[in-house]
Amino acid sequence: MKILLFWAFLIVFSPVSAQETDVDVLTARAKNGDVEASGQLGKYLFDIEKNPRSAEKWLKASADAGNVESKYYLARVYDSAGKRSNAEIVALLQESAGRGYVPAQVMLGKILQFGRRGVPQNTDQARGWYEMAAAKGSGEAMAQLRVIYAQTGDQSVKAGLADENVEWLTLGVKQGDADAAAALGGLFETGRGVKRDFKRAAELYQTAAEAGNTQAMAGLGKLYANGDGVEQNDERAIFWLDRAARAGYVEAQRKLAEVYTLRSSDKPKAYAWLVLALSALFPAADDLSAVSPDLERLMRSMTAEEIRAGQAYALDMLEIVKANKRKQRTE
C-alpha cells in the first residue's frame, strides 16, 4: 500500500514555494512577458541572490503593471543603490502603502519619521502609516509607535497596550480591515491579551472570512467543527475549511482531513488533504506515513481503490492550490 501511495507523490508533492522559485522557469516566463513571474524573479534576485542590479529590471516590469509588492521591492532596490532620489523612493512606497501593503507602510513611516534629503521629517504622517500597519498586526510598526508616543507624551495608554495588539486590531476592525478582524479573532479564540471568548472569535472570523481572509476561514471552520462559540455544524465546517485549504492554508488542510475522517467518512478526501498538508510540512520526508501516525492509520483503513481516488483528488487540489497562490501574489 505504501508503494501505491508514494511512487506518485514523492515527485509531485514538493512545496509549492520551491516549485515556484525555480529560477530557470521564472526567467523563461518573465522573458515571455509574464508579469507575475517578473515580480517573483526580481524578489528572488534581491532577497536570495543579493543582486539588486539584476532584480531591478524584473521588479520594474512587475511594478509598472501595478503589483504592490513589486513596487515595494523596487523602492528597496533604489534605496540600496543610492542612485535614485528619495522622492522617487517615497512615491513608489506611497503607491504600495496606499493599497494596504504593510511592509511599504512601515518603510514609508520610517522615512517620514526621521526625514531624508528631499523628504522633510513629518512625524504626524509617519504615525499615520504606522497606525495603519499596526492595525494589521505589524509588531515593527507598534514598536515605532511606542517610540513616537514616548517622545511626544501622546496617547501613553496606547503605547502601553501595543504589545498585546488588541487596541490596534480593534481600530483596524472598526476601519473594516479583514486582516485585523482575523487577527483579533485569533486573540479571542486563544485568550491572548483578552478574556477567551469563542463567540466573539466566531463573529470576527465570520466578518473576515466573508471578506476573503484565509486565516479567518480556517478559524471559523475549526470553531464549527468543534462547536466552540457556535453550534457544531460539519457542513459549515467543511465549507469554510475547504475554502481555506484550497488557498493553501496548511492547518485548514489538516483540520479538513480530520473532519472527513471522523465525521463524513470520506476517506479519499481525508487522505488527499492530509497528504497535501504533510507534504508542505515535511518536504524532505521519504515516507509521509512515517512522520504521521494519522496518515498510517487512515491508509490501513482504506482500500486500494480509495487510495487511488485520494491520489487523483490530491493532484486536482494541488493544481487549485498553486493557482490560488499565484492569484494571491498578484492581488
Protein backbone atom coordinates (compact mmCIF):
# COMPACT_ATOMS: atom_id res chain seq x y z
CA MET A 1 0.00 0.00 0.00
CA LYS A 2 2.86 2.37 0.75
CA ILE A 3 4.33 1.79 -2.71
CA LEU A 4 0.96 2.60 -4.25
CA LEU A 5 0.90 5.84 -2.32
CA PHE A 6 4.38 7.19 -2.61
CA TRP A 7 5.55 6.43 -6.13
CA ALA A 8 3.27 9.19 -7.40
CA PHE A 9 3.64 11.68 -4.59
CA LEU A 10 7.35 11.82 -3.87
CA ILE A 11 7.88 13.64 -7.16
CA VAL A 12 4.70 15.70 -7.22
CA PHE A 13 4.42 16.99 -3.67
CA SER A 14 7.39 19.25 -3.22
CA PRO A 15 6.34 22.53 -1.57
CA VAL A 16 4.62 24.97 -3.89
CA SER A 17 7.06 27.71 -2.93
CA ALA A 18 10.02 25.59 -4.03
CA GLN A 19 8.36 24.81 -7.33
CA GLU A 20 7.54 28.46 -7.93
CA THR A 21 11.10 29.71 -7.30
CA ASP A 22 12.81 27.62 -9.98
CA VAL A 23 14.97 30.39 -11.42
CA ASP A 24 15.17 28.99 -14.94
CA VAL A 25 11.40 28.58 -15.11
CA LEU A 26 10.76 32.05 -13.70
CA THR A 27 13.27 33.60 -16.09
CA ALA A 28 11.69 31.94 -19.09
CA ARG A 29 8.23 33.04 -18.03
CA ALA A 30 9.39 36.58 -17.29
CA LYS A 31 11.08 36.88 -20.69
CA ASN A 32 7.80 35.85 -22.30
CA GLY A 33 6.05 38.77 -20.62
CA ASP A 34 4.64 37.03 -17.54
CA VAL A 35 4.35 39.94 -15.11
CA GLU A 36 3.78 37.71 -12.10
CA ALA A 37 6.94 35.76 -12.86
CA SER A 38 8.86 39.02 -13.28
CA GLY A 39 7.91 40.04 -9.75
CA GLN A 40 8.82 36.65 -8.27
CA LEU A 41 12.12 36.61 -10.13
CA GLY A 42 13.02 40.14 -9.05
CA LYS A 43 12.20 39.36 -5.44
CA TYR A 44 14.30 36.20 -5.58
CA LEU A 45 17.28 38.02 -7.10
CA PHE A 46 17.07 40.75 -4.47
CA ASP A 47 16.35 38.66 -1.36
CA ILE A 48 18.18 35.41 -2.10
CA GLU A 49 20.88 36.24 -4.67
CA LYS A 50 21.53 39.69 -3.15
CA ASN A 51 21.75 41.11 -6.65
CA PRO A 52 19.73 44.36 -6.78
CA ARG A 53 21.08 45.32 -10.22
CA SER A 54 19.66 42.18 -11.83
CA ALA A 55 16.49 42.39 -9.75
CA GLU A 56 15.67 45.95 -10.86
CA LYS A 57 14.68 45.10 -14.43
CA TRP A 58 12.20 42.43 -13.45
CA LEU A 59 10.75 44.29 -10.48
CA LYS A 60 10.19 47.39 -12.60
CA ALA A 61 8.25 45.38 -15.18
CA SER A 62 6.01 43.97 -12.45
CA ALA A 63 5.70 47.30 -10.62
CA ASP A 64 4.74 49.12 -13.82
CA ALA A 65 1.94 46.57 -14.21
CA GLY A 66 0.62 47.57 -10.77
CA ASN A 67 1.94 44.86 -8.45
CA VAL A 68 2.09 46.42 -4.96
CA GLU A 69 4.72 44.03 -3.61
CA SER A 70 6.98 44.73 -6.59
CA LYS A 71 6.60 48.48 -6.06
CA TYR A 72 7.85 48.00 -2.50
CA TYR A 73 10.78 45.84 -3.58
CA LEU A 74 11.69 48.26 -6.37
CA ALA A 75 11.77 51.03 -3.78
CA ARG A 76 14.17 48.91 -1.74
CA VAL A 77 16.35 48.31 -4.81
CA TYR A 78 16.51 52.05 -5.48
CA ASP A 79 17.23 52.69 -1.81
CA SER A 80 20.09 50.18 -1.72
CA ALA A 81 21.68 51.52 -4.91
CA GLY A 82 21.59 55.15 -3.82
CA LYS A 83 21.21 56.29 -7.43
CA ARG A 84 17.57 57.40 -7.28
CA SER A 85 16.13 60.37 -5.45
CA ASN A 86 14.39 59.85 -2.15
CA ALA A 87 11.32 61.44 -3.71
CA GLU A 88 11.16 58.59 -6.26
CA ILE A 89 11.52 56.02 -3.49
CA VAL A 90 8.77 57.67 -1.44
CA ALA A 91 6.45 57.82 -4.46
CA LEU A 92 6.77 54.07 -5.01
CA LEU A 93 6.20 53.37 -1.33
CA GLN A 94 3.15 55.60 -1.25
CA GLU A 95 1.62 53.68 -4.15
CA SER A 96 2.24 50.37 -2.40
CA ALA A 97 1.35 51.53 1.11
CA GLY A 98 -1.79 53.26 -0.10
CA ARG A 99 -3.05 49.92 -1.35
CA GLY A 100 -2.52 48.33 2.04
CA TYR A 101 0.89 46.65 1.71
CA VAL A 102 2.17 46.59 5.28
CA PRO A 103 5.97 46.44 4.68
CA ALA A 104 5.66 49.54 2.48
CA GLN A 105 3.67 51.32 5.19
CA VAL A 106 6.40 50.58 7.73
CA MET A 107 9.27 51.63 5.44
CA LEU A 108 7.46 54.82 4.47
CA GLY A 109 6.77 55.55 8.13
CA LYS A 110 10.47 55.26 8.95
CA ILE A 111 11.49 57.62 6.15
CA LEU A 112 8.94 60.20 7.27
CA GLN A 113 9.73 59.69 10.95
CA PHE A 114 13.39 60.60 10.56
CA GLY A 115 13.43 62.54 7.29
CA ARG A 116 15.88 62.33 4.39
CA ARG A 117 17.39 64.66 1.85
CA GLY A 118 14.46 65.97 -0.16
CA VAL A 119 11.93 64.36 2.20
CA PRO A 120 11.26 66.50 5.27
CA GLN A 121 10.59 64.86 8.61
CA ASN A 122 6.87 64.52 9.28
CA THR A 123 6.03 62.68 12.49
CA ASP A 124 2.29 63.00 12.03
CA GLN A 125 2.37 61.34 8.63
CA ALA A 126 4.77 58.69 9.91
CA ARG A 127 2.42 57.92 12.76
CA GLY A 128 -0.48 57.61 10.32
CA TRP A 129 1.32 54.97 8.26
CA TYR A 130 2.49 53.14 11.38
CA GLU A 131 -1.05 53.05 12.75
CA MET A 132 -2.32 51.51 9.51
CA ALA A 133 0.36 48.83 9.72
CA ALA A 134 -0.17 48.29 13.44
CA ALA A 135 -3.88 47.80 12.83
CA LYS A 136 -2.89 44.80 10.70
CA GLY A 137 -0.70 43.41 13.45
CA SER A 138 2.76 44.70 12.47
CA GLY A 139 5.00 44.42 15.51
CA GLU A 140 7.61 46.67 13.91
CA ALA A 141 5.04 49.42 13.44
CA MET A 142 3.91 49.06 17.03
CA ALA A 143 7.50 49.39 18.24
CA GLN A 144 7.97 52.62 16.27
CA LEU A 145 4.68 53.97 17.58
CA ARG A 146 5.84 53.39 21.14
CA VAL A 147 8.92 55.49 20.36
CA ILE A 148 6.82 58.30 18.91
CA TYR A 149 4.38 58.24 21.80
CA ALA A 150 7.20 58.22 24.34
CA GLN A 151 8.85 61.20 22.64
CA THR A 152 5.67 63.23 22.35
CA GLY A 153 3.93 62.09 25.52
CA ASP A 154 0.84 61.48 23.40
CA GLN A 155 -1.55 58.56 23.94
CA SER A 156 0.64 56.87 26.54
CA VAL A 157 -2.11 54.37 27.24
CA LYS A 158 -1.98 53.17 23.65
CA ALA A 159 1.75 52.77 23.89
CA GLY A 160 1.35 50.57 26.95
CA LEU A 161 -1.19 48.35 25.23
CA ALA A 162 0.65 47.99 21.95
CA ASP A 163 2.36 44.75 22.93
CA GLU A 164 -0.97 42.92 23.10
CA ASN A 165 -2.09 44.19 19.69
CA VAL A 166 -5.66 44.47 20.94
CA GLU A 167 -6.24 48.19 20.58
CA TRP A 168 -4.59 48.40 17.18
CA LEU A 169 -6.51 45.42 15.89
CA THR A 170 -9.75 46.82 17.27
CA LEU A 171 -9.05 50.05 15.42
CA GLY A 172 -8.45 48.07 12.26
CA VAL A 173 -11.73 46.17 12.68
CA LYS A 174 -13.61 49.45 13.02
CA GLN A 175 -11.97 50.60 9.79
CA GLY A 176 -13.22 47.48 8.02
CA ASP A 177 -9.84 45.72 7.84
CA ALA A 178 -10.42 41.98 7.35
CA ASP A 179 -6.84 41.10 8.34
CA ALA A 180 -7.29 42.90 11.65
CA ALA A 181 -10.60 41.10 12.27
CA ALA A 182 -8.94 37.75 11.63
CA ALA A 183 -6.00 38.54 13.93
CA LEU A 184 -8.28 39.82 16.71
CA GLY A 185 -10.45 36.75 16.31
CA GLY A 186 -7.34 34.68 16.93
CA LEU A 187 -6.68 36.53 20.18
CA PHE A 188 -10.23 35.90 21.41
CA GLU A 189 -10.04 32.25 20.38
CA THR A 190 -6.81 31.66 22.33
CA GLY A 191 -7.26 34.21 25.13
CA ARG A 192 -4.04 36.08 24.33
CA GLY A 193 -4.29 39.61 25.71
CA VAL A 194 -8.07 39.33 26.16
CA LYS A 195 -10.52 37.13 28.01
CA ARG A 196 -11.12 34.00 25.98
CA ASP A 197 -14.40 34.31 24.10
CA PHE A 198 -15.21 31.78 21.37
CA LYS A 199 -18.43 33.53 20.43
CA ARG A 200 -16.64 36.83 19.80
CA ALA A 201 -13.92 34.96 17.91
CA ALA A 202 -16.57 33.40 15.66
CA GLU A 203 -18.13 36.81 14.98
CA LEU A 204 -14.80 38.31 13.99
CA TYR A 205 -13.81 35.30 11.92
CA GLN A 206 -17.18 35.42 10.12
CA THR A 207 -16.66 39.07 9.20
CA ALA A 208 -13.13 38.47 7.95
CA ALA A 209 -13.95 35.19 6.20
CA GLU A 210 -16.77 36.78 4.23
CA ALA A 211 -14.25 39.42 3.11
CA GLY A 212 -11.95 36.68 1.82
CA ASN A 213 -9.41 36.31 4.65
CA THR A 214 -7.98 32.78 4.56
CA GLN A 215 -6.90 32.67 8.21
CA ALA A 216 -10.42 33.58 9.28
CA MET A 217 -11.94 30.90 7.03
CA ALA A 218 -9.73 28.31 8.72
CA GLY A 219 -10.52 29.63 12.19
CA LEU A 220 -14.26 29.74 11.58
CA GLY A 221 -14.23 26.25 10.10
CA LYS A 222 -12.41 24.96 13.15
CA LEU A 223 -14.95 26.55 15.51
CA TYR A 224 -17.83 24.95 13.61
CA ALA A 225 -16.06 21.59 13.62
CA ASN A 226 -15.51 21.74 17.38
CA GLY A 227 -18.72 23.53 18.33
CA ASP A 228 -16.82 26.34 20.06
CA GLY A 229 -18.78 29.60 20.21
CA VAL A 230 -21.20 28.32 17.57
CA GLU A 231 -23.46 25.32 17.19
CA GLN A 232 -21.46 22.36 15.93
CA ASN A 233 -22.06 22.02 12.20
CA ASP A 234 -19.98 19.75 9.96
CA GLU A 235 -21.43 21.15 6.75
CA ARG A 236 -20.37 24.70 7.62
CA ALA A 237 -17.05 23.48 8.96
CA ILE A 238 -16.28 21.75 5.67
CA PHE A 239 -17.43 24.78 3.67
CA TRP A 240 -15.01 27.19 5.37
CA LEU A 241 -12.15 24.75 5.85
CA ASP A 242 -12.32 23.72 2.19
CA ARG A 243 -12.04 27.34 1.04
CA ALA A 244 -9.00 27.92 3.26
CA ALA A 245 -7.45 24.59 2.28
CA ARG A 246 -7.75 25.37 -1.42
CA ALA A 247 -5.98 28.66 -0.75
CA GLY A 248 -3.03 26.68 0.64
CA TYR A 249 -3.63 27.13 4.37
CA VAL A 250 -1.97 24.05 5.84
CA GLU A 251 -3.77 23.98 9.19
CA ALA A 252 -7.10 24.11 7.37
CA GLN A 253 -5.99 21.18 5.21
CA ARG A 254 -5.17 19.13 8.31
CA LYS A 255 -8.41 20.02 10.08
CA LEU A 256 -10.41 19.29 6.94
CA ALA A 257 -8.78 15.86 6.72
CA GLU A 258 -9.77 15.25 10.34
CA VAL A 259 -13.40 16.21 9.70
CA TYR A 260 -13.59 14.00 6.61
CA THR A 261 -12.06 11.11 8.56
CA LEU A 262 -14.13 11.31 11.72
CA ARG A 263 -17.43 12.81 10.61
CA SER A 264 -18.18 12.23 6.94
CA SER A 265 -16.20 9.02 6.32
CA ASP A 266 -14.97 10.43 3.00
CA LYS A 267 -11.61 8.70 3.17
CA PRO A 268 -10.28 9.72 -0.27
CA LYS A 269 -10.75 13.40 0.52
CA ALA A 270 -9.36 12.94 4.02
CA TYR A 271 -6.33 11.20 2.53
CA ALA A 272 -5.80 13.87 -0.14
CA TRP A 273 -5.87 16.83 2.22
CA LEU A 274 -3.70 15.12 4.81
CA VAL A 275 -1.08 14.24 2.19
CA LEU A 276 -1.08 17.81 0.88
CA ALA A 277 -0.65 19.22 4.37
CA LEU A 278 2.09 16.78 5.34
CA SER A 279 3.93 17.38 2.07
CA ALA A 280 4.08 21.09 2.88
CA LEU A 281 5.17 20.47 6.47
CA PHE A 282 7.72 17.72 5.73
CA PRO A 283 9.05 18.37 2.22
CA ALA A 284 12.12 16.18 2.75
CA ALA A 285 10.23 13.15 4.08
CA ASP A 286 10.69 9.96 2.05
CA ASP A 287 7.68 8.31 3.65
CA LEU A 288 4.88 10.59 4.85
CA SER A 289 3.22 7.81 6.84
CA ALA A 290 6.42 7.55 8.89
CA VAL A 291 6.03 11.12 10.11
CA SER A 292 2.27 10.93 10.61
CA PRO A 293 0.57 8.15 12.59
CA ASP A 294 -2.74 9.68 11.45
CA LEU A 295 -1.90 9.01 7.82
CA GLU A 296 -0.70 5.49 8.57
CA ARG A 297 -3.95 4.67 10.43
CA LEU A 298 -6.03 6.17 7.64
CA MET A 299 -4.20 4.20 4.94
CA ARG A 300 -4.70 0.93 6.82
CA SER A 301 -8.43 1.54 6.82
CA MET A 302 -8.59 2.28 3.07
CA THR A 303 -8.97 0.04 0.07
CA ALA A 304 -6.62 0.31 -2.90
CA GLU A 305 -9.44 1.89 -4.89
CA GLU A 306 -9.97 4.55 -2.20
CA ILE A 307 -6.26 5.38 -2.20
CA ARG A 308 -6.28 5.79 -5.98
CA ALA A 309 -9.27 8.10 -5.67
CA GLY A 310 -7.46 10.06 -2.97
CA GLN A 311 -4.36 10.40 -5.14
CA ALA A 312 -6.40 11.71 -8.05
CA TYR A 313 -8.24 14.17 -5.83
CA ALA A 314 -4.97 15.36 -4.28
CA LEU A 315 -3.49 16.07 -7.70
CA ASP A 316 -6.57 18.10 -8.65
CA MET A 317 -6.43 20.05 -5.39
CA LEU A 318 -2.69 20.68 -5.75
CA GLU A 319 -3.29 22.46 -9.05
CA ILE A 320 -6.04 24.54 -7.45
CA VAL A 321 -3.78 25.44 -4.52
CA LYS A 322 -0.99 26.51 -6.86
CA ALA A 323 -3.37 28.60 -8.97
CA ASN A 324 -4.79 30.30 -5.88
CA LYS A 325 -1.33 31.10 -4.54
CA ARG A 326 -0.39 32.69 -7.85
CA LYS A 327 -3.58 34.74 -7.75
CA GLN A 328 -2.87 35.89 -4.18
CA ARG A 329 0.53 37.22 -5.18
CA THR A 330 -0.97 39.45 -7.86
CA GLU A 331 -3.73 40.94 -5.72
